Amino acid sequence: MKITRLLWAGALVAGLVPLSAMAGNVAAGKEKSAVCAACHGQTGQSVSPDFPNLGGQHEDYLYRVLLDYKAGHRKNPIMAAQVENLSKADMADLAAYFAAQSGLFVKR
C-alpha cells in the first residue's frame, strides 16, 4: 500500500495525473461554501488573520489541501471536522468556487 501511494504521489508530481482532472462546479461550490464563510469569508477573503485567504488560490492547490485535511496529512481539528463529510466532488466544487474569486493580488 505504501508503494502504491508513492507511485501515485510520483505521478501527481510528474504531472501525469493532474489534480485539476477533478474539475469542480463553481455554482455548486458557492452553495456549499456557506459554512466556510464563517472563517474564510464569503468570497474567500478571511475575516481574521488567523484564517487563510482562499479567494484566488489555485484550484488544484485548494483541492489538494482539502484532501490532505480529510486524509489527516494536515493536522487541524477544526478543518478535520469540516471536511469529514465532504466527498471528493464537494471538495472539487469548493476549490473551483474559491479559485474563481478575486484574491488579494492583482492578476495580470
N, C-alpha and C. Protein backbone atom coordinates (compact mmCIF):
# COMPACT_ATOMS: atom_id res chain seq x y z
N MET A 1 0.82 -1.19 0.00
CA MET A 1 0.00 0.00 0.00
C MET A 1 0.86 1.26 0.00
N LYS A 2 1.96 1.22 0.74
CA LYS A 2 2.84 2.36 0.80
C LYS A 2 3.47 2.63 -0.57
N ILE A 3 3.82 1.57 -1.29
CA ILE A 3 4.40 1.72 -2.62
C ILE A 3 3.38 2.31 -3.57
N THR A 4 2.13 1.89 -3.46
CA THR A 4 1.07 2.43 -4.32
C THR A 4 0.92 3.93 -4.10
N ARG A 5 0.94 4.35 -2.84
CA ARG A 5 0.83 5.78 -2.56
C ARG A 5 2.02 6.55 -3.10
N LEU A 6 3.21 5.96 -2.99
CA LEU A 6 4.40 6.62 -3.53
C LEU A 6 4.32 6.75 -5.04
N LEU A 7 3.85 5.70 -5.71
CA LEU A 7 3.71 5.76 -7.16
C LEU A 7 2.67 6.81 -7.56
N TRP A 8 1.56 6.84 -6.84
CA TRP A 8 0.51 7.81 -7.11
C TRP A 8 1.04 9.23 -6.89
N ALA A 9 1.73 9.44 -5.79
CA ALA A 9 2.30 10.77 -5.50
C ALA A 9 3.31 11.16 -6.57
N GLY A 10 4.12 10.21 -7.01
CA GLY A 10 5.09 10.48 -8.07
C GLY A 10 4.41 10.87 -9.37
N ALA A 11 3.32 10.21 -9.69
CA ALA A 11 2.57 10.53 -10.91
C ALA A 11 1.98 11.93 -10.82
N LEU A 12 1.50 12.31 -9.63
CA LEU A 12 0.95 13.66 -9.45
C LEU A 12 2.04 14.70 -9.63
N VAL A 13 3.19 14.47 -8.99
CA VAL A 13 4.30 15.41 -9.08
C VAL A 13 4.79 15.53 -10.52
N ALA A 14 4.82 14.42 -11.22
CA ALA A 14 5.28 14.43 -12.61
C ALA A 14 4.25 15.04 -13.55
N GLY A 15 3.06 15.29 -13.04
CA GLY A 15 2.03 15.88 -13.87
C GLY A 15 1.27 14.88 -14.71
N LEU A 16 1.49 13.59 -14.45
CA LEU A 16 0.81 12.56 -15.23
C LEU A 16 -0.66 12.46 -14.87
N VAL A 17 -1.00 12.78 -13.61
CA VAL A 17 -2.38 12.75 -13.15
C VAL A 17 -2.66 14.10 -12.49
N PRO A 18 -3.05 15.09 -13.27
CA PRO A 18 -3.26 16.41 -12.68
C PRO A 18 -4.44 16.42 -11.72
N LEU A 19 -4.27 17.15 -10.63
CA LEU A 19 -5.37 17.27 -9.67
C LEU A 19 -6.56 17.97 -10.30
N SER A 20 -6.30 18.83 -11.28
CA SER A 20 -7.38 19.56 -11.91
C SER A 20 -8.29 18.65 -12.72
N ALA A 21 -7.91 17.38 -12.86
CA ALA A 21 -8.77 16.43 -13.56
C ALA A 21 -10.10 16.32 -12.84
N MET A 22 -10.11 16.65 -11.58
CA MET A 22 -11.34 16.65 -10.79
C MET A 22 -11.89 18.06 -10.80
N ALA A 23 -12.27 18.55 -11.97
CA ALA A 23 -12.76 19.91 -12.11
C ALA A 23 -14.08 20.07 -11.37
N GLY A 24 -14.16 21.11 -10.57
CA GLY A 24 -15.36 21.35 -9.79
C GLY A 24 -16.31 22.31 -10.47
N ASN A 25 -17.47 22.43 -9.90
CA ASN A 25 -18.53 23.30 -10.38
C ASN A 25 -18.59 24.53 -9.48
N VAL A 26 -18.34 25.70 -10.07
CA VAL A 26 -18.27 26.94 -9.29
C VAL A 26 -19.60 27.23 -8.60
N ALA A 27 -20.72 27.11 -9.33
CA ALA A 27 -22.03 27.40 -8.74
C ALA A 27 -22.35 26.46 -7.59
N ALA A 28 -22.04 25.18 -7.75
CA ALA A 28 -22.26 24.21 -6.67
C ALA A 28 -21.36 24.53 -5.49
N GLY A 29 -20.13 24.94 -5.78
CA GLY A 29 -19.19 25.30 -4.71
C GLY A 29 -19.67 26.49 -3.92
N LYS A 30 -20.28 27.46 -4.60
CA LYS A 30 -20.80 28.64 -3.89
C LYS A 30 -21.88 28.21 -2.90
N GLU A 31 -22.75 27.32 -3.31
CA GLU A 31 -23.81 26.83 -2.42
C GLU A 31 -23.22 26.10 -1.21
N LYS A 32 -22.15 25.35 -1.44
CA LYS A 32 -21.55 24.55 -0.37
C LYS A 32 -20.64 25.36 0.54
N SER A 33 -20.31 26.59 0.15
CA SER A 33 -19.30 27.37 0.86
C SER A 33 -19.84 28.15 2.07
N ALA A 34 -21.13 28.08 2.32
CA ALA A 34 -21.71 28.88 3.42
C ALA A 34 -21.00 28.64 4.75
N VAL A 35 -20.72 27.39 5.07
CA VAL A 35 -20.07 27.09 6.35
C VAL A 35 -18.62 27.61 6.36
N CYS A 36 -17.98 27.65 5.21
CA CYS A 36 -16.60 28.13 5.10
C CYS A 36 -16.51 29.63 5.40
N ALA A 37 -17.58 30.35 5.06
CA ALA A 37 -17.59 31.81 5.18
C ALA A 37 -17.39 32.29 6.62
N ALA A 38 -17.75 31.48 7.58
CA ALA A 38 -17.60 31.89 8.98
C ALA A 38 -16.15 32.26 9.31
N CYS A 39 -15.20 31.55 8.73
CA CYS A 39 -13.79 31.82 9.00
C CYS A 39 -13.07 32.43 7.80
N HIS A 40 -13.40 31.96 6.61
CA HIS A 40 -12.66 32.34 5.41
C HIS A 40 -13.32 33.46 4.61
N GLY A 41 -14.48 33.93 5.04
CA GLY A 41 -15.18 34.99 4.34
C GLY A 41 -16.00 34.45 3.18
N GLN A 42 -17.03 35.18 2.80
CA GLN A 42 -17.96 34.72 1.77
C GLN A 42 -17.28 34.47 0.43
N THR A 43 -16.31 35.29 0.09
CA THR A 43 -15.61 35.11 -1.19
C THR A 43 -14.17 34.62 -1.00
N GLY A 44 -13.88 34.14 0.19
CA GLY A 44 -12.55 33.61 0.45
C GLY A 44 -11.56 34.61 0.99
N GLN A 45 -12.03 35.81 1.32
CA GLN A 45 -11.17 36.80 1.96
C GLN A 45 -11.43 36.70 3.46
N SER A 46 -10.47 36.20 4.18
CA SER A 46 -10.60 35.84 5.58
C SER A 46 -11.11 36.98 6.45
N VAL A 47 -11.91 36.61 7.44
CA VAL A 47 -12.44 37.58 8.39
C VAL A 47 -11.46 37.84 9.52
N SER A 48 -10.36 37.10 9.56
CA SER A 48 -9.38 37.22 10.64
C SER A 48 -8.00 36.81 10.12
N PRO A 49 -6.95 37.42 10.63
CA PRO A 49 -5.61 37.00 10.21
C PRO A 49 -5.26 35.58 10.65
N ASP A 50 -6.09 35.00 11.52
CA ASP A 50 -5.86 33.63 11.98
C ASP A 50 -6.24 32.58 10.94
N PHE A 51 -7.02 32.98 9.93
CA PHE A 51 -7.50 32.04 8.92
C PHE A 51 -6.99 32.45 7.54
N PRO A 52 -6.57 31.50 6.73
CA PRO A 52 -6.02 31.85 5.41
C PRO A 52 -7.08 32.34 4.43
N ASN A 53 -6.64 33.20 3.52
CA ASN A 53 -7.48 33.64 2.42
C ASN A 53 -7.52 32.53 1.38
N LEU A 54 -8.70 32.20 0.92
CA LEU A 54 -8.87 31.15 -0.07
C LEU A 54 -9.15 31.72 -1.46
N GLY A 55 -9.74 32.90 -1.52
CA GLY A 55 -10.11 33.50 -2.79
C GLY A 55 -8.90 33.73 -3.69
N GLY A 56 -9.01 33.25 -4.93
CA GLY A 56 -7.95 33.46 -5.91
C GLY A 56 -6.82 32.45 -5.85
N GLN A 57 -6.87 31.51 -4.90
CA GLN A 57 -5.84 30.47 -4.85
C GLN A 57 -6.04 29.52 -6.03
N HIS A 58 -5.02 28.77 -6.37
CA HIS A 58 -5.12 27.81 -7.46
C HIS A 58 -6.07 26.68 -7.07
N GLU A 59 -6.92 26.31 -8.01
CA GLU A 59 -7.93 25.29 -7.76
C GLU A 59 -7.32 23.97 -7.33
N ASP A 60 -6.27 23.53 -8.02
CA ASP A 60 -5.67 22.24 -7.67
C ASP A 60 -5.02 22.29 -6.29
N TYR A 61 -4.49 23.44 -5.88
CA TYR A 61 -3.93 23.59 -4.54
C TYR A 61 -5.03 23.46 -3.48
N LEU A 62 -6.12 24.18 -3.68
CA LEU A 62 -7.23 24.13 -2.71
C LEU A 62 -7.79 22.71 -2.59
N TYR A 63 -7.94 22.05 -3.72
CA TYR A 63 -8.45 20.68 -3.72
C TYR A 63 -7.50 19.76 -2.94
N ARG A 64 -6.21 19.87 -3.19
CA ARG A 64 -5.21 19.05 -2.52
C ARG A 64 -5.23 19.30 -1.01
N VAL A 65 -5.34 20.55 -0.60
CA VAL A 65 -5.38 20.88 0.82
C VAL A 65 -6.57 20.22 1.50
N LEU A 66 -7.74 20.28 0.85
CA LEU A 66 -8.93 19.64 1.43
C LEU A 66 -8.74 18.13 1.52
N LEU A 67 -8.18 17.54 0.49
CA LEU A 67 -7.90 16.10 0.53
C LEU A 67 -6.95 15.77 1.67
N ASP A 68 -5.93 16.59 1.84
CA ASP A 68 -4.94 16.36 2.90
C ASP A 68 -5.54 16.48 4.29
N TYR A 69 -6.45 17.44 4.49
CA TYR A 69 -7.12 17.53 5.79
C TYR A 69 -7.96 16.29 6.04
N LYS A 70 -8.68 15.86 5.02
CA LYS A 70 -9.55 14.69 5.17
C LYS A 70 -8.73 13.42 5.46
N ALA A 71 -7.58 13.28 4.81
CA ALA A 71 -6.73 12.11 5.00
C ALA A 71 -5.90 12.18 6.28
N GLY A 72 -5.88 13.35 6.92
CA GLY A 72 -5.10 13.51 8.14
C GLY A 72 -3.65 13.89 7.90
N HIS A 73 -3.30 14.21 6.65
CA HIS A 73 -1.92 14.62 6.35
C HIS A 73 -1.65 16.04 6.85
N ARG A 74 -2.69 16.84 6.90
CA ARG A 74 -2.63 18.16 7.52
C ARG A 74 -3.42 18.06 8.82
N LYS A 75 -2.86 18.61 9.86
CA LYS A 75 -3.47 18.48 11.20
C LYS A 75 -4.09 19.79 11.65
N ASN A 76 -5.40 19.81 11.75
CA ASN A 76 -6.12 20.94 12.31
C ASN A 76 -7.50 20.40 12.71
N PRO A 77 -7.80 20.40 14.00
CA PRO A 77 -9.06 19.79 14.44
C PRO A 77 -10.30 20.47 13.86
N ILE A 78 -10.26 21.76 13.64
CA ILE A 78 -11.41 22.46 13.06
C ILE A 78 -11.62 22.03 11.62
N MET A 79 -10.55 22.05 10.83
CA MET A 79 -10.67 21.66 9.43
C MET A 79 -10.97 20.17 9.28
N ALA A 80 -10.41 19.36 10.14
CA ALA A 80 -10.70 17.91 10.08
C ALA A 80 -12.20 17.67 10.24
N ALA A 81 -12.82 18.39 11.15
CA ALA A 81 -14.26 18.23 11.36
C ALA A 81 -15.05 18.78 10.17
N GLN A 82 -14.55 19.85 9.56
CA GLN A 82 -15.27 20.45 8.43
C GLN A 82 -15.26 19.57 7.19
N VAL A 83 -14.17 18.87 6.95
CA VAL A 83 -14.06 18.07 5.72
C VAL A 83 -14.52 16.63 5.91
N GLU A 84 -14.80 16.26 7.13
CA GLU A 84 -15.13 14.87 7.45
C GLU A 84 -16.21 14.28 6.55
N ASN A 85 -17.26 15.03 6.27
CA ASN A 85 -18.37 14.51 5.48
C ASN A 85 -18.37 14.98 4.03
N LEU A 86 -17.29 15.62 3.60
CA LEU A 86 -17.23 16.09 2.21
C LEU A 86 -16.78 14.97 1.29
N SER A 87 -17.43 14.88 0.14
CA SER A 87 -16.99 13.94 -0.90
C SER A 87 -15.91 14.62 -1.73
N LYS A 88 -15.26 13.86 -2.58
CA LYS A 88 -14.27 14.46 -3.48
C LYS A 88 -14.92 15.47 -4.40
N ALA A 89 -16.16 15.20 -4.83
CA ALA A 89 -16.88 16.15 -5.68
C ALA A 89 -17.17 17.44 -4.92
N ASP A 90 -17.55 17.33 -3.64
CA ASP A 90 -17.78 18.52 -2.81
C ASP A 90 -16.50 19.35 -2.72
N MET A 91 -15.39 18.68 -2.47
CA MET A 91 -14.11 19.38 -2.33
C MET A 91 -13.71 20.04 -3.65
N ALA A 92 -13.95 19.36 -4.77
CA ALA A 92 -13.64 19.93 -6.08
C ALA A 92 -14.51 21.16 -6.34
N ASP A 93 -15.78 21.10 -5.95
CA ASP A 93 -16.67 22.24 -6.14
C ASP A 93 -16.23 23.44 -5.29
N LEU A 94 -15.86 23.19 -4.05
CA LEU A 94 -15.39 24.26 -3.18
C LEU A 94 -14.10 24.87 -3.72
N ALA A 95 -13.20 24.02 -4.18
CA ALA A 95 -11.94 24.52 -4.75
C ALA A 95 -12.20 25.38 -5.98
N ALA A 96 -13.11 24.94 -6.83
CA ALA A 96 -13.45 25.71 -8.04
C ALA A 96 -14.05 27.06 -7.68
N TYR A 97 -14.94 27.08 -6.70
CA TYR A 97 -15.57 28.33 -6.29
C TYR A 97 -14.55 29.32 -5.76
N PHE A 98 -13.75 28.89 -4.80
CA PHE A 98 -12.79 29.83 -4.20
C PHE A 98 -11.70 30.24 -5.19
N ALA A 99 -11.32 29.36 -6.08
CA ALA A 99 -10.33 29.72 -7.10
C ALA A 99 -10.88 30.77 -8.07
N ALA A 100 -12.19 30.77 -8.28
CA ALA A 100 -12.80 31.71 -9.21
C ALA A 100 -12.97 33.11 -8.60
N GLN A 101 -12.74 33.25 -7.30
CA GLN A 101 -12.89 34.53 -6.64
C GLN A 101 -11.62 35.37 -6.79
N SER A 102 -11.77 36.66 -6.58
CA SER A 102 -10.60 37.56 -6.63
C SER A 102 -9.75 37.32 -5.39
N GLY A 103 -8.45 37.33 -5.60
CA GLY A 103 -7.52 37.20 -4.50
C GLY A 103 -7.06 38.56 -4.03
N LEU A 104 -6.12 38.56 -3.12
CA LEU A 104 -5.57 39.82 -2.61
C LEU A 104 -4.63 40.46 -3.62
N PHE A 105 -4.09 39.68 -4.54
CA PHE A 105 -3.15 40.18 -5.51
C PHE A 105 -3.84 40.42 -6.83
N VAL A 106 -3.38 41.42 -7.55
CA VAL A 106 -3.94 41.73 -8.86
C VAL A 106 -3.43 40.68 -9.85
N LYS A 107 -4.36 40.05 -10.57
CA LYS A 107 -3.97 39.06 -11.58
C LYS A 107 -3.69 39.80 -12.89
N ARG A 108 -2.56 39.51 -13.49
CA ARG A 108 -2.19 40.19 -14.75
C ARG A 108 -2.35 39.25 -15.89
